[in-house]
Amino acid sequence: MYFADVDRGRPFAKDPAVVRFRDRYLMYYSIPPHIDAEKGATWAIGIAESRDLTNWTKVGKLLPADACEAKGLCAPGAIVLDGKVHLFYQSYGNWVEDAICHAVSEDGVHFTRNPTNPIFRPRGDWTCGRAIDADVIVYENKLWLYYATRDPQMKRQMLGVAVAPVGSDFSREDWVQLGNGSILEPSLPWEKDCIEAPAVLERNGRLWMFYAGAYNNEPQQIGCAVSDDGVHWERISEEPVLPNGAPGTWNESESGHPFVFVDDDGTVYLFFQGNNDGGKTWYLSKATVEWEGELPVIRPDLDRRSAETPVAGAL
């Protein structure tokens, strides 16, 4: 898999989120303003479909609609609940005021916003109040919302978590922040000043989180941590489980912003973004997550110096 969207004047797709919905796979991802400033446009969310998780065709996009999204929206997290696709995403361009929003869809392409958007931002003296990079998972009959935030000085990026009843409509009043501090923050040399983009799955009663360490192109790389309660996390390694590529490869500048997807047959895929030009372009790829004993092992399905031109129709 090697995919980018060409809608905004250059190959560019970031922040993947994938679901299986009815007879197809749907992928949601961030697209930037147009490379030609005169053509305008803000950050938005692209939507692509696939039958095989490798070949993707663009089928829609989610553009700003509410006041809190006026400067842009991006970084989607997606989940299917009761036959509907729920999208959790962030507003963009508001700095400390950016927060998590929610929308729901009957067909996976056309969405209705939650009237209480933005639905969540963290509180406390440990955070600036910003929330981005949403990921959600059903665990212990609650919907767990993992997100990234920053310290009050807006320097260090770290993770937090909130929960809401599964049977709720996920409005603002439904969310309860767990704890008054970060659940995981940068501490290893390769993580530098940033941990973001949590991607969580449950396996044998434990929660496993893939996360991005370091800001974009520093390089950003992917680590992994495990938890028995969803709040307290322990890294499985001091090194990335999915590093950036070697010089000359497609992901030389980074392997970042993971999303974990479990297919109906139990196969676990890790979707992620990368580039080799310092962020002028962005591509999406995927890896298979296998297990050796109790630990995950990443098997990328793209490891070459060049790749075919991605397919993405402009809409």
Protein backbone atom coordinates (compact mmCIF):
# COMPACT_ATOMS: atom_id res chain seq x y z
CA MET A 1 0.00 0.00 0.00
CA TYR A 2 1.24 3.43 -1.00
CA PHE A 3 -1.47 6.09 -1.08
CA ALA A 4 -1.73 9.86 -1.27
CA ASP A 5 -4.49 12.28 -2.17
CA VAL A 6 -3.80 14.69 -5.06
CA ASP A 7 -6.87 16.90 -4.49
CA ARG A 8 -4.86 19.82 -3.07
CA GLY A 9 -2.13 20.07 -5.72
CA ARG A 10 0.44 17.61 -4.39
CA PRO A 11 0.46 14.00 -3.14
CA PHE A 12 -0.60 14.40 0.48
CA ALA A 13 -2.47 12.23 3.01
CA LYS A 14 -1.81 12.13 6.76
CA ASP A 15 -3.34 10.72 9.94
CA PRO A 16 -5.09 7.55 8.68
CA ALA A 17 -8.08 5.87 10.32
CA VAL A 18 -9.65 2.72 8.84
CA VAL A 19 -12.90 0.81 9.43
CA ARG A 20 -14.70 -2.07 7.76
CA PHE A 21 -18.20 -0.87 6.99
CA ARG A 22 -20.68 -3.19 5.27
CA ASP A 23 -19.04 -4.52 2.11
CA ARG A 24 -16.01 -2.22 1.95
CA TYR A 25 -13.20 -0.64 3.88
CA LEU A 26 -13.24 3.10 4.48
CA MET A 27 -10.19 5.21 5.26
CA TYR A 28 -10.34 8.72 6.69
CA TYR A 29 -7.27 10.96 6.53
CA SER A 30 -6.11 14.59 6.70
CA ILE A 31 -5.69 16.74 3.59
CA PRO A 32 -4.02 20.19 3.69
CA PRO A 33 -4.85 23.61 2.20
CA HIS A 34 -4.19 23.81 -1.54
CA ILE A 35 -0.55 24.25 -2.51
CA ASP A 36 -1.73 27.22 -4.60
CA ALA A 37 -2.73 29.77 -1.97
CA GLU A 38 -5.08 31.49 -4.41
CA LYS A 39 -7.21 28.34 -4.47
CA GLY A 40 -7.66 28.56 -0.73
CA ALA A 41 -9.23 25.73 1.26
CA THR A 42 -8.47 24.72 4.84
CA TRP A 43 -7.33 21.46 6.34
CA ALA A 44 -10.04 18.86 5.80
CA ILE A 45 -10.67 15.11 5.94
CA GLY A 46 -10.56 12.89 2.85
CA ILE A 47 -12.49 9.63 2.53
CA ALA A 48 -11.35 6.66 0.42
CA GLU A 49 -12.72 3.16 -0.08
CA SER A 50 -11.08 -0.19 -0.76
CA ARG A 51 -11.99 -3.85 -1.16
CA ASP A 52 -8.53 -5.20 -0.28
CA LEU A 53 -6.91 -2.66 2.10
CA THR A 54 -4.22 -1.95 -0.51
CA ASN A 55 -5.87 -0.19 -3.46
CA TRP A 56 -7.86 2.90 -2.48
CA THR A 57 -10.21 5.23 -4.38
CA LYS A 58 -11.31 8.57 -3.02
CA VAL A 59 -15.09 8.78 -2.51
CA GLY A 60 -15.66 11.93 -0.48
CA LYS A 61 -14.39 14.54 1.92
CA LEU A 62 -15.48 16.26 5.10
CA LEU A 63 -15.17 20.04 4.93
CA PRO A 64 -15.52 22.61 7.73
CA ALA A 65 -19.12 23.25 8.70
CA ASP A 66 -19.39 24.33 12.34
CA ALA A 67 -17.91 27.52 13.78
CA CYS A 68 -15.27 25.60 15.73
CA GLU A 69 -14.09 24.05 12.43
CA ALA A 70 -13.93 27.30 10.47
CA LYS A 71 -10.11 27.26 10.30
CA GLY A 72 -9.96 23.55 9.49
CA LEU A 73 -10.43 20.01 10.75
CA CYS A 74 -8.19 16.94 10.59
CA ALA A 75 -6.67 13.91 12.38
CA PRO A 76 -9.73 11.62 12.34
CA GLY A 77 -10.31 8.59 14.52
CA ALA A 78 -13.09 6.23 13.41
CA ILE A 79 -15.16 3.40 14.84
CA VAL A 80 -18.31 1.50 13.79
CA LEU A 81 -20.99 1.29 16.50
CA ASP A 82 -24.56 -0.02 16.00
CA GLY A 83 -24.24 0.06 12.22
CA LYS A 84 -23.01 3.66 12.02
CA VAL A 85 -19.58 5.20 11.52
CA HIS A 86 -18.56 7.54 14.32
CA LEU A 87 -15.79 10.00 13.50
CA PHE A 88 -13.79 11.74 16.22
CA TYR A 89 -11.57 14.49 14.87
CA GLN A 90 -9.93 17.74 15.89
CA SER A 91 -10.53 21.34 15.00
CA TYR A 92 -7.44 22.94 13.46
CA GLY A 93 -5.79 26.34 13.51
CA ASN A 94 -6.95 27.50 16.93
CA TRP A 95 -3.73 26.57 18.82
CA VAL A 96 -4.61 26.03 22.51
CA GLU A 97 -8.33 26.14 21.69
CA ASP A 98 -8.26 23.14 19.34
CA ALA A 99 -10.44 20.32 20.68
CA ILE A 100 -12.07 17.01 19.78
CA CYS A 101 -15.27 16.99 17.71
CA HIS A 102 -17.67 14.17 16.82
CA ALA A 103 -19.85 13.30 13.82
CA VAL A 104 -21.88 10.23 12.85
CA SER A 105 -22.80 8.70 9.50
CA GLU A 106 -25.30 6.17 8.16
CA ASP A 107 -23.25 5.51 4.98
CA GLY A 108 -19.68 6.31 6.04
CA VAL A 109 -19.42 9.29 3.68
CA HIS A 110 -22.04 11.87 4.72
CA PHE A 111 -21.80 12.96 8.36
CA THR A 112 -24.00 14.75 10.87
CA ARG A 113 -22.15 16.80 13.47
CA ASN A 114 -22.71 16.46 17.19
CA PRO A 115 -24.58 19.64 18.20
CA THR A 116 -22.37 20.04 21.29
CA ASN A 117 -19.09 20.18 19.32
CA PRO A 118 -16.39 20.41 20.40
CA ILE A 119 -17.18 17.51 22.68
CA PHE A 120 -13.93 17.29 24.66
CA ARG A 121 -10.92 19.22 25.87
CA PRO A 122 -8.79 18.33 28.93
CA ARG A 123 -8.69 20.31 32.15
CA GLY A 124 -6.12 20.77 34.90
CA ASP A 125 -2.85 22.51 35.59
CA TRP A 126 -0.94 19.78 33.73
CA THR A 127 -2.33 20.71 30.30
CA CYS A 128 -2.80 23.75 28.07
CA GLY A 129 -6.35 22.54 27.41
CA ARG A 130 -5.78 21.52 23.80
CA ALA A 131 -6.91 18.07 22.52
CA ILE A 132 -5.91 16.51 19.18
CA ASP A 133 -5.27 13.08 17.58
CA ALA A 134 -8.36 11.24 18.82
CA ASP A 135 -8.50 7.45 18.96
CA VAL A 136 -11.43 5.50 20.42
CA ILE A 137 -11.98 1.93 21.58
CA VAL A 138 -14.79 0.11 23.37
CA TYR A 139 -13.46 -1.35 26.62
CA GLU A 140 -15.33 -2.41 29.76
CA ASN A 141 -18.63 -1.16 28.31
CA LYS A 142 -17.31 2.37 27.84
CA LEU A 143 -15.95 4.27 24.90
CA TRP A 144 -12.38 5.27 25.72
CA LEU A 145 -11.11 8.41 24.02
CA TYR A 146 -7.35 8.69 23.83
CA TYR A 147 -5.93 12.03 22.75
CA ALA A 148 -2.79 14.15 22.64
CA THR A 149 -2.37 17.44 24.47
CA ARG A 150 0.51 19.73 25.50
CA ASP A 151 1.85 21.15 28.71
CA PRO A 152 0.90 24.73 29.69
CA GLN A 153 4.01 26.04 27.91
CA MET A 154 2.90 24.34 24.65
CA LYS A 155 6.27 22.60 24.33
CA ARG A 156 5.82 18.95 25.31
CA GLN A 157 3.16 16.79 23.67
CA MET A 158 1.67 13.95 25.76
CA LEU A 159 -1.35 11.70 26.04
CA GLY A 160 -4.54 11.67 28.10
CA VAL A 161 -7.76 9.65 28.23
CA ALA A 162 -11.47 10.21 28.84
CA VAL A 163 -14.48 7.86 28.85
CA ALA A 164 -18.17 8.02 27.95
CA PRO A 165 -20.99 5.45 28.17
CA VAL A 166 -21.23 3.34 25.02
CA GLY A 167 -24.96 3.96 24.86
CA SER A 168 -24.63 7.74 24.93
CA ASP A 169 -24.59 10.11 21.96
CA PHE A 170 -21.04 11.19 22.97
CA SER A 171 -22.04 14.78 23.63
CA ARG A 172 -19.87 17.07 25.69
CA GLU A 173 -21.57 16.28 28.99
CA ASP A 174 -21.03 12.52 28.54
CA TRP A 175 -17.23 12.60 28.82
CA VAL A 176 -15.29 12.07 32.04
CA GLN A 177 -11.57 12.80 32.08
CA LEU A 178 -9.62 10.07 33.88
CA GLY A 179 -6.98 11.45 36.21
CA ASN A 180 -5.33 14.84 36.40
CA GLY A 181 -2.18 14.21 34.43
CA SER A 182 -0.67 12.56 31.41
CA ILE A 183 -0.97 8.80 30.93
CA LEU A 184 2.17 8.74 28.75
CA GLU A 185 4.68 11.47 28.02
CA PRO A 186 8.05 11.62 26.24
CA SER A 187 10.98 10.23 28.20
CA LEU A 188 13.14 8.30 25.73
CA PRO A 189 15.77 10.03 23.56
CA TRP A 190 14.04 9.19 20.28
CA GLU A 191 10.71 10.55 21.54
CA LYS A 192 12.24 14.00 22.08
CA ASP A 193 9.45 16.40 23.18
CA CYS A 194 6.47 14.60 21.72
CA ILE A 195 4.22 11.58 22.14
CA GLU A 196 1.05 11.75 20.05
CA ALA A 197 -1.35 9.79 17.83
CA PRO A 198 -2.33 6.97 20.22
CA ALA A 199 -3.66 3.84 18.49
CA VAL A 200 -5.15 1.25 20.86
CA LEU A 201 -6.40 -2.33 20.58
CA GLU A 202 -7.41 -5.00 23.08
CA ARG A 203 -5.80 -8.44 23.04
CA ASN A 204 -6.29 -11.15 25.67
CA GLY A 205 -7.64 -8.67 28.19
CA ARG A 206 -4.77 -6.21 27.84
CA LEU A 207 -4.65 -2.93 25.95
CA TRP A 208 -1.83 -2.27 23.51
CA MET A 209 -1.03 1.22 22.32
CA PHE A 210 1.04 2.15 19.30
CA TYR A 211 2.05 5.81 19.44
CA ALA A 212 4.12 8.36 17.56
CA GLY A 213 7.26 9.68 19.19
CA ALA A 214 8.90 13.04 18.26
CA TYR A 215 7.33 15.78 16.17
CA ASN A 216 6.96 15.38 12.40
CA ASN A 217 10.15 14.61 10.50
CA GLU A 218 12.49 14.84 13.51
CA PRO A 219 12.08 11.91 12.55
CA GLN A 220 8.79 10.72 13.98
CA GLN A 221 8.79 6.98 14.72
CA ILE A 222 6.35 4.53 16.28
CA GLY A 223 6.59 2.99 19.73
CA CYS A 224 4.39 0.61 21.71
CA ALA A 225 3.13 0.41 25.30
CA VAL A 226 0.84 -1.97 27.18
CA SER A 227 -1.74 -1.48 29.95
CA ASP A 228 -3.93 -3.62 32.19
CA ASP A 229 -6.37 -0.83 33.05
CA GLY A 230 -6.27 1.66 30.16
CA VAL A 231 -4.71 4.39 32.31
CA HIS A 232 -1.31 3.13 33.44
CA TRP A 233 1.04 2.27 30.57
CA GLU A 234 4.42 0.59 30.28
CA ARG A 235 6.57 0.68 27.17
CA ILE A 236 7.52 -2.69 25.71
CA SER A 237 10.84 -1.39 24.38
CA GLU A 238 13.14 1.59 24.65
CA GLU A 239 13.44 1.59 20.85
CA PRO A 240 10.79 2.23 18.18
CA VAL A 241 8.85 -0.82 17.01
CA LEU A 242 8.49 0.84 13.60
CA PRO A 243 11.37 3.24 12.83
CA ASN A 244 11.70 5.65 9.93
CA GLY A 245 13.24 4.25 6.76
CA ALA A 246 16.85 4.14 5.67
CA PRO A 247 18.25 6.93 3.44
CA GLY A 248 16.68 6.79 0.00
CA THR A 249 13.50 4.95 1.06
CA TRP A 250 9.97 6.34 0.84
CA ASN A 251 9.73 6.94 4.61
CA GLU A 252 13.22 8.28 5.25
CA SER A 253 11.83 11.39 6.95
CA GLU A 254 9.47 9.49 9.24
CA SER A 255 7.15 6.60 10.00
CA GLY A 256 4.45 8.27 12.05
CA HIS A 257 0.88 8.81 13.23
CA PRO A 258 -0.27 5.16 13.56
CA PHE A 259 -3.79 3.75 13.48
CA VAL A 260 -4.49 0.13 14.41
CA PHE A 261 -7.23 -1.78 12.59
CA VAL A 262 -8.44 -5.30 13.40
CA ASP A 263 -10.15 -6.98 10.43
CA ASP A 264 -13.04 -9.43 10.71
CA ASP A 265 -10.67 -12.40 10.44
CA GLY A 266 -8.59 -11.13 13.36
CA THR A 267 -5.67 -9.83 11.29
CA VAL A 268 -4.20 -6.69 12.84
CA TYR A 269 -2.97 -3.90 10.58
CA LEU A 270 -1.01 -0.82 11.54
CA PHE A 271 -1.63 2.09 9.18
CA PHE A 272 0.88 4.95 9.27
CA GLN A 273 2.20 7.97 7.37
CA GLY A 274 5.62 8.69 5.92
CA ASN A 275 7.62 10.74 3.46
CA ASN A 276 11.21 11.30 2.32
CA ASP A 277 11.21 15.03 1.61
CA GLY A 278 10.77 16.61 5.03
CA GLY A 279 7.00 16.89 4.72
CA LYS A 280 6.50 18.39 1.27
CA THR A 281 4.48 15.28 0.42
CA TRP A 282 2.88 12.60 2.61
CA TYR A 283 1.93 9.01 1.85
CA LEU A 284 0.04 6.35 3.77
CA SER A 285 1.03 2.72 4.05
CA LYS A 286 0.30 -0.21 6.32
CA ALA A 287 2.03 -3.04 8.15
CA THR A 288 0.80 -6.34 9.57
CA VAL A 289 1.05 -6.78 13.33
CA GLU A 290 1.96 -10.35 14.31
CA TRP A 291 2.62 -11.73 17.77
CA GLU A 292 5.69 -13.57 18.99
CA GLY A 293 4.82 -14.80 22.44
CA GLU A 294 3.19 -11.86 24.18
CA LEU A 295 4.83 -9.11 22.12
CA PRO A 296 3.79 -7.52 18.81
CA VAL A 297 6.08 -7.66 15.77
CA ILE A 298 5.60 -5.27 12.84
CA ARG A 299 5.79 -6.59 9.26
CA PRO A 300 5.66 -3.64 6.81
CA ASP A 301 4.23 -4.44 3.40
CA LEU A 302 6.11 -1.67 1.60
CA ASP A 303 9.91 -1.55 1.80
CA ARG A 304 11.38 -0.19 -1.37
CA ARG A 305 13.09 2.92 -2.68
CA SER A 306 10.31 3.97 -5.03
CA ALA A 307 6.63 3.16 -5.45
CA GLU A 308 3.87 3.44 -7.96
CA THR A 309 1.97 6.69 -8.31
CA PRO A 310 -0.90 6.57 -5.82
CA VAL A 311 -4.48 6.52 -7.04
CA ALA A 312 -6.72 9.20 -5.56
CA GLY A 313 -9.43 10.96 -7.53
CA ALA A 314 -9.92 14.66 -6.94
CA LEU A 315 -13.35 15.60 -5.60
